[in-house]
Amino acid sequence: MNRAKGKFLYHVLAFMTMALWGVTFVSTKTLINQGLSPAQIFTIRFVIAYLGLLAVCIIRGGDNKRAFSRTISHEFLFVLMGISGGSLYFLTENTALRYTQACNVSFIVCMAPLLTILMTLTIRKLFRNSLTQGLEDVKIRFPLVAGTAFALSGMVLVLFDHHKLSLSPKGDILAFLAALCWAFYSQFMGQMTDRYGSLFATRKVFFYGLVTIVPVLMLSDNSNLAAVRFGSVQVWGNLLFLSTIASLFCFVLWNRILLVIGNVTATNYVYLNPVFTLIGAVIILDERMTLASGIGSAMILGGVILAGAKSRKKDLCNN
């Protein structure tokens, strides 16, 4: 029973993490409006987060201070996760905000749970090795299918309420690539956290994310930085929120969540992102929540609970 209670706590923490990450859409859009490019936002955000995490690793000591993982294959996997969960994910997501509506980006990125399920099923079917052993054993059954459909329906209500769907192929494709990146990242981060701990695993992802964004920065025109008002609360406040809370704190916590409740179950909480994006917009941007948005938010929450109901019932029965 204690184990079940422990897992319930991580479901609550997943809910809290999505609340914070949902606000990042508003925060990032604000920084883009202030003149920063997507690559610049990612770099500043993750440099601050990486330095903070590095300091924590040094203080904690032990394996947290090690420079490399135990095998070349693990190090290569950290490179891939640094790209998929770091540089490429944030570059595609943030750039998509330039070309299409924020609601489009939120909705398409929230395809990550479905892509995670499909990717997990495919990898488990095609491969049988130590990497696939850490993936959640996914069964396509009623609670998962019904919960997913319910959550997706709720997102349609929330995101397109009183909006005309404005398709932008460039922005929408970028948002889909972001969802695909997050699905890949979710496959393996939980088991790498199990092998190396949250602090070390997250630090490696941040490091390789920063390394792989360098070519993008070098090939970009960064003359816009001279016009950005870094002394403005809108700029440094949002950068501080994105780097310390949304990156350093939330990524370490999320990697632990992936380990404890499983990559597919955890990723289902991504459906909550647009709900908290909407709440953030109401509070920060003074937008109004309509009846349809409220109903849609409740449907998303209900869908997430339903999708994870079977696994939580199984946990209770095993304790």
Protein backbone atom coordinates (compact mmCIF):
# COMPACT_ATOMS: atom_id res chain seq x y z
CA MET A 1 0.00 0.00 0.00
CA ASN A 2 2.91 2.37 0.73
CA ARG A 3 4.18 1.80 -2.77
CA ALA A 4 0.74 2.68 -4.17
CA LYS A 5 0.66 5.87 -2.10
CA GLY A 6 4.12 6.72 -3.38
CA LYS A 7 2.98 6.33 -6.98
CA PHE A 8 -0.10 8.45 -6.29
CA LEU A 9 2.23 11.21 -5.08
CA TYR A 10 4.08 11.10 -8.42
CA HIS A 11 0.77 11.40 -10.26
CA VAL A 12 0.13 14.58 -8.24
CA LEU A 13 3.65 15.81 -9.07
CA ALA A 14 3.02 15.10 -12.77
CA PHE A 15 -0.12 17.22 -12.55
CA MET A 16 1.89 20.03 -10.90
CA THR A 17 4.66 19.81 -13.51
CA MET A 18 2.16 20.16 -16.35
CA ALA A 19 0.66 23.19 -14.60
CA LEU A 20 4.07 24.88 -14.68
CA TRP A 21 4.92 23.74 -18.21
CA GLY A 22 1.53 24.89 -19.48
CA VAL A 23 2.43 28.46 -18.54
CA THR A 24 5.68 28.27 -20.55
CA PHE A 25 3.73 28.77 -23.80
CA VAL A 26 2.61 32.19 -22.55
CA SER A 27 6.08 32.95 -21.17
CA THR A 28 7.90 31.96 -24.39
CA LYS A 29 5.44 33.88 -26.57
CA THR A 30 6.10 36.96 -24.41
CA LEU A 31 9.86 36.66 -24.95
CA ILE A 32 9.42 36.21 -28.70
CA ASN A 33 7.30 39.37 -28.73
CA GLN A 34 10.13 41.11 -26.85
CA GLY A 35 12.53 40.34 -29.73
CA LEU A 36 14.34 37.14 -28.71
CA SER A 37 14.63 34.30 -31.22
CA PRO A 38 13.64 30.68 -30.35
CA ALA A 39 17.29 29.53 -30.35
CA GLN A 40 18.31 32.44 -28.11
CA ILE A 41 15.50 31.74 -25.65
CA PHE A 42 16.50 28.08 -25.43
CA THR A 43 20.21 28.88 -25.00
CA ILE A 44 19.78 31.49 -22.26
CA ARG A 45 17.20 29.34 -20.50
CA PHE A 46 19.30 26.19 -20.48
CA VAL A 47 22.67 27.81 -19.74
CA ILE A 48 21.23 29.17 -16.50
CA ALA A 49 19.54 25.84 -15.73
CA TYR A 50 22.67 23.82 -16.54
CA LEU A 51 24.93 25.95 -14.34
CA GLY A 52 22.47 25.63 -11.46
CA LEU A 53 22.21 21.87 -11.94
CA LEU A 54 26.00 21.51 -12.23
CA ALA A 55 26.41 23.32 -8.90
CA VAL A 56 23.89 20.96 -7.26
CA CYS A 57 25.69 17.91 -8.71
CA ILE A 58 29.05 19.11 -7.38
CA ILE A 59 27.59 19.75 -3.93
CA ARG A 60 25.83 16.36 -3.84
CA GLY A 61 29.00 14.60 -5.01
CA GLY A 62 29.30 10.89 -5.77
CA ASP A 63 28.22 9.72 -9.23
CA ASN A 64 26.51 13.07 -9.80
CA LYS A 65 29.93 14.60 -10.48
CA ARG A 66 31.06 12.07 -13.08
CA ALA A 67 31.71 13.45 -16.55
CA PHE A 68 30.58 10.52 -18.70
CA SER A 69 28.18 7.63 -18.47
CA ARG A 70 29.36 4.05 -18.00
CA THR A 71 29.13 2.91 -21.63
CA ILE A 72 29.51 4.47 -25.08
CA SER A 73 25.96 3.36 -25.98
CA HIS A 74 24.56 5.16 -22.94
CA GLU A 75 26.52 8.30 -23.79
CA PHE A 76 25.20 8.19 -27.36
CA LEU A 77 21.66 7.79 -26.01
CA PHE A 78 22.17 10.90 -23.85
CA VAL A 79 23.22 12.77 -27.01
CA LEU A 80 19.99 11.71 -28.73
CA MET A 81 17.92 12.70 -25.71
CA GLY A 82 19.73 16.03 -25.50
CA ILE A 83 18.59 16.67 -29.06
CA SER A 84 15.07 15.22 -28.83
CA GLY A 85 14.22 16.57 -25.37
CA GLY A 86 16.37 19.67 -25.61
CA SER A 87 17.63 21.57 -28.63
CA LEU A 88 15.43 20.17 -31.42
CA TYR A 89 12.27 19.97 -29.29
CA PHE A 90 12.43 23.57 -28.07
CA LEU A 91 13.68 24.90 -31.40
CA THR A 92 10.77 23.35 -33.31
CA GLU A 93 8.17 24.24 -30.66
CA ASN A 94 9.33 27.83 -30.16
CA THR A 95 9.77 28.44 -33.89
CA ALA A 96 6.27 27.08 -34.53
CA LEU A 97 4.92 29.89 -32.33
CA ARG A 98 6.26 32.35 -34.91
CA TYR A 99 4.30 30.88 -37.79
CA THR A 100 1.03 29.63 -36.34
CA GLN A 101 -1.43 30.25 -33.52
CA ALA A 102 -0.42 29.27 -30.01
CA CYS A 103 -3.56 27.10 -29.80
CA ASN A 104 -2.45 25.17 -32.89
CA VAL A 105 0.97 24.57 -31.34
CA SER A 106 -0.51 23.44 -28.01
CA PHE A 107 -2.92 21.05 -29.68
CA ILE A 108 -0.36 19.47 -32.02
CA VAL A 109 2.35 19.15 -29.36
CA CYS A 110 -0.25 17.37 -27.22
CA MET A 111 -0.14 14.54 -29.75
CA ALA A 112 2.97 13.42 -27.82
CA PRO A 113 1.06 10.90 -25.64
CA LEU A 114 -0.40 9.14 -28.71
CA LEU A 115 3.00 9.17 -30.43
CA THR A 116 4.60 7.83 -27.24
CA ILE A 117 2.19 4.88 -27.17
CA LEU A 118 2.77 4.06 -30.85
CA MET A 119 6.53 4.42 -30.49
CA THR A 120 6.63 2.25 -27.36
CA LEU A 121 4.58 -0.49 -29.02
CA THR A 122 6.82 -0.40 -32.11
CA ILE A 123 10.11 -0.45 -30.19
CA ARG A 124 8.98 -3.27 -27.89
CA LYS A 125 7.90 -5.31 -30.92
CA LEU A 126 11.05 -4.76 -32.99
CA PHE A 127 13.73 -4.88 -30.30
CA ARG A 128 14.52 -7.08 -27.31
CA ASN A 129 17.40 -5.65 -25.30
CA SER A 130 18.23 -3.80 -22.08
CA LEU A 131 16.80 -0.53 -23.40
CA THR A 132 13.36 -1.93 -24.18
CA GLN A 133 13.12 -3.69 -20.81
CA GLY A 134 12.63 -0.33 -19.09
CA LEU A 135 9.68 0.70 -21.28
CA GLU A 136 6.15 0.55 -19.92
CA ASP A 137 4.21 -2.58 -20.91
CA VAL A 138 1.43 -0.97 -22.94
CA LYS A 139 -1.84 -2.74 -23.61
CA ILE A 140 -4.36 -1.05 -25.92
CA ARG A 141 -7.49 -1.46 -23.81
CA PHE A 142 -10.67 0.47 -23.11
CA PRO A 143 -9.46 2.86 -20.33
CA LEU A 144 -6.48 4.02 -22.38
CA VAL A 145 -8.42 4.39 -25.65
CA ALA A 146 -11.48 6.02 -24.03
CA GLY A 147 -9.38 8.33 -21.85
CA THR A 148 -7.29 9.42 -24.83
CA ALA A 149 -10.39 10.12 -26.96
CA PHE A 150 -12.05 12.02 -24.10
CA ALA A 151 -8.94 14.15 -23.51
CA LEU A 152 -8.52 14.90 -27.22
CA SER A 153 -12.17 15.95 -27.47
CA GLY A 154 -11.70 18.25 -24.51
CA MET A 155 -8.66 19.82 -26.14
CA VAL A 156 -10.66 20.60 -29.26
CA LEU A 157 -13.19 22.48 -27.10
CA VAL A 158 -10.51 24.36 -25.16
CA LEU A 159 -8.19 25.29 -27.97
CA PHE A 160 -10.64 26.19 -30.73
CA ASP A 161 -13.42 27.76 -28.70
CA HIS A 162 -14.36 31.01 -30.48
CA HIS A 163 -11.35 30.63 -32.77
CA LYS A 164 -11.16 29.94 -36.45
CA LEU A 165 -8.68 27.17 -37.17
CA SER A 166 -5.93 28.94 -39.07
CA LEU A 167 -3.69 26.36 -40.69
CA SER A 168 -0.06 27.26 -41.26
CA PRO A 169 1.77 24.26 -42.80
CA LYS A 170 5.22 25.44 -41.73
CA GLY A 171 4.25 26.13 -38.12
CA ASP A 172 2.03 23.06 -37.78
CA ILE A 173 4.70 20.71 -39.17
CA LEU A 174 7.24 22.16 -36.74
CA ALA A 175 4.81 21.60 -33.85
CA PHE A 176 4.31 17.97 -34.95
CA LEU A 177 8.09 17.46 -35.04
CA ALA A 178 8.23 18.82 -31.48
CA ALA A 179 5.64 16.24 -30.38
CA LEU A 180 7.63 13.49 -32.10
CA CYS A 181 10.82 14.65 -30.34
CA TRP A 182 9.13 14.55 -26.92
CA ALA A 183 7.76 11.06 -27.61
CA PHE A 184 11.28 9.78 -28.34
CA TYR A 185 12.71 11.53 -25.27
CA SER A 186 10.02 9.92 -23.10
CA GLN A 187 10.94 6.42 -24.26
CA PHE A 188 14.30 6.19 -22.55
CA MET A 189 14.67 8.98 -20.00
CA GLY A 190 12.99 7.03 -17.20
CA GLN A 191 15.36 4.07 -17.40
CA MET A 192 18.44 6.29 -17.78
CA THR A 193 17.29 8.09 -14.63
CA ASP A 194 17.07 4.68 -12.96
CA ARG A 195 20.64 3.89 -13.99
CA TYR A 196 22.27 7.24 -13.19
CA GLY A 197 19.88 9.25 -11.01
CA SER A 198 17.78 12.31 -11.89
CA LEU A 199 20.53 14.90 -11.39
CA PHE A 200 23.17 13.25 -13.59
CA ALA A 201 20.70 12.22 -16.32
CA THR A 202 19.13 15.67 -16.52
CA ARG A 203 22.54 17.38 -16.54
CA LYS A 204 23.64 15.23 -19.50
CA VAL A 205 20.48 16.08 -21.44
CA PHE A 206 20.96 19.81 -20.76
CA PHE A 207 24.63 19.63 -21.77
CA TYR A 208 24.02 17.93 -25.11
CA GLY A 209 21.03 20.14 -25.76
CA LEU A 210 23.26 23.19 -25.43
CA VAL A 211 26.08 21.67 -27.49
CA THR A 212 23.74 20.85 -30.37
CA ILE A 213 22.12 24.32 -30.40
CA VAL A 214 25.51 26.02 -30.97
CA PRO A 215 25.56 25.47 -34.78
CA VAL A 216 22.10 27.05 -35.02
CA LEU A 217 23.27 30.12 -33.11
CA MET A 218 26.46 30.41 -35.18
CA LEU A 219 24.49 30.38 -38.42
CA SER A 220 21.91 32.88 -37.15
CA ASP A 221 21.85 36.66 -37.19
CA ASN A 222 22.01 37.63 -33.51
CA SER A 223 22.07 41.39 -34.06
CA ASN A 224 18.57 41.57 -32.53
CA LEU A 225 20.08 41.05 -29.05
CA ALA A 226 21.22 44.69 -28.98
CA ALA A 227 17.59 45.83 -29.10
CA VAL A 228 16.27 43.45 -26.42
CA ARG A 229 15.55 45.18 -23.10
CA PHE A 230 17.06 42.63 -20.70
CA GLY A 231 16.43 45.02 -17.79
CA SER A 232 12.68 44.71 -18.37
CA VAL A 233 10.77 42.56 -15.89
CA GLN A 234 8.97 40.94 -18.83
CA VAL A 235 12.32 39.71 -20.18
CA TRP A 236 14.39 38.73 -17.15
CA GLY A 237 11.34 37.57 -15.17
CA ASN A 238 10.24 35.15 -17.89
CA LEU A 239 13.81 33.96 -18.51
CA LEU A 240 14.24 33.30 -14.78
CA PHE A 241 10.96 31.37 -14.63
CA LEU A 242 11.82 29.30 -17.71
CA SER A 243 15.37 28.50 -16.58
CA THR A 244 15.02 27.81 -12.85
CA ILE A 245 11.47 26.53 -12.37
CA ALA A 246 10.36 25.20 -15.78
CA SER A 247 13.78 23.73 -16.68
CA LEU A 248 16.01 23.00 -13.68
CA PHE A 249 13.29 21.99 -11.21
CA CYS A 250 10.68 20.52 -13.55
CA PHE A 251 13.04 18.47 -15.74
CA VAL A 252 14.69 16.79 -12.75
CA LEU A 253 11.26 16.05 -11.31
CA TRP A 254 9.79 14.87 -14.62
CA ASN A 255 12.63 12.43 -15.26
CA ARG A 256 11.92 10.88 -11.87
CA ILE A 257 8.19 10.76 -12.70
CA LEU A 258 8.93 8.87 -15.95
CA LEU A 259 10.84 6.28 -13.92
CA VAL A 260 8.21 5.79 -11.21
CA ILE A 261 4.89 5.74 -13.11
CA GLY A 262 6.09 4.74 -16.61
CA ASN A 263 6.83 6.58 -19.85
CA VAL A 264 3.35 6.17 -21.39
CA THR A 265 1.31 6.87 -18.23
CA ALA A 266 3.42 9.93 -17.43
CA THR A 267 3.24 11.33 -20.95
CA ASN A 268 -0.59 11.20 -20.81
CA TYR A 269 -0.36 14.19 -18.48
CA VAL A 270 0.83 16.27 -21.46
CA TYR A 271 -2.89 16.50 -22.34
CA LEU A 272 -3.20 18.91 -19.42
CA ASN A 273 -0.80 21.40 -21.01
CA PRO A 274 -3.43 23.42 -22.92
CA VAL A 275 -5.64 23.63 -19.82
CA PHE A 276 -2.91 25.40 -17.87
CA THR A 277 -1.93 27.43 -20.92
CA LEU A 278 -5.50 28.70 -20.97
CA ILE A 279 -5.45 29.43 -17.22
CA GLY A 280 -2.14 31.26 -17.61
CA ALA A 281 -3.58 33.33 -20.44
CA VAL A 282 -6.60 34.24 -18.32
CA ILE A 283 -4.42 35.37 -15.39
CA ILE A 284 -1.50 36.94 -17.27
CA LEU A 285 -3.08 38.13 -20.51
CA ASP A 286 -6.50 38.94 -19.02
CA GLU A 287 -8.34 36.62 -21.40
CA ARG A 288 -11.83 35.29 -20.56
CA MET A 289 -12.61 31.62 -19.94
CA THR A 290 -15.82 30.60 -21.70
CA LEU A 291 -18.25 27.84 -20.75
CA ALA A 292 -16.94 25.63 -23.56
CA SER A 293 -13.36 26.12 -22.35
CA GLY A 294 -14.37 25.14 -18.81
CA ILE A 295 -16.16 22.00 -20.04
CA GLY A 296 -13.20 21.12 -22.26
CA SER A 297 -10.76 21.51 -19.36
CA ALA A 298 -12.86 19.17 -17.23
CA MET A 299 -12.95 16.63 -20.10
CA ILE A 300 -9.16 16.71 -20.41
CA LEU A 301 -8.71 16.13 -16.69
CA GLY A 302 -11.26 13.30 -16.76
CA GLY A 303 -9.58 11.73 -19.78
CA VAL A 304 -6.16 11.74 -18.11
CA ILE A 305 -7.61 10.11 -14.99
CA LEU A 306 -9.43 7.47 -17.06
CA ALA A 307 -6.37 6.68 -19.21
CA GLY A 308 -4.28 5.95 -16.13
CA ALA A 309 -7.01 4.24 -14.11
CA LYS A 310 -6.06 0.66 -15.00
CA SER A 311 -2.40 1.02 -14.09
CA ARG A 312 -3.23 2.64 -10.74
CA LYS A 313 -5.76 -0.12 -9.94
CA LYS A 314 -3.11 -2.70 -10.73
CA ASP A 315 -0.65 -0.96 -8.41
CA LEU A 316 -3.17 -1.11 -5.54
CA CYS A 317 -3.85 -4.80 -6.13
CA ASN A 318 -0.15 -5.63 -6.07
CA ASN A 319 0.39 -4.08 -2.63
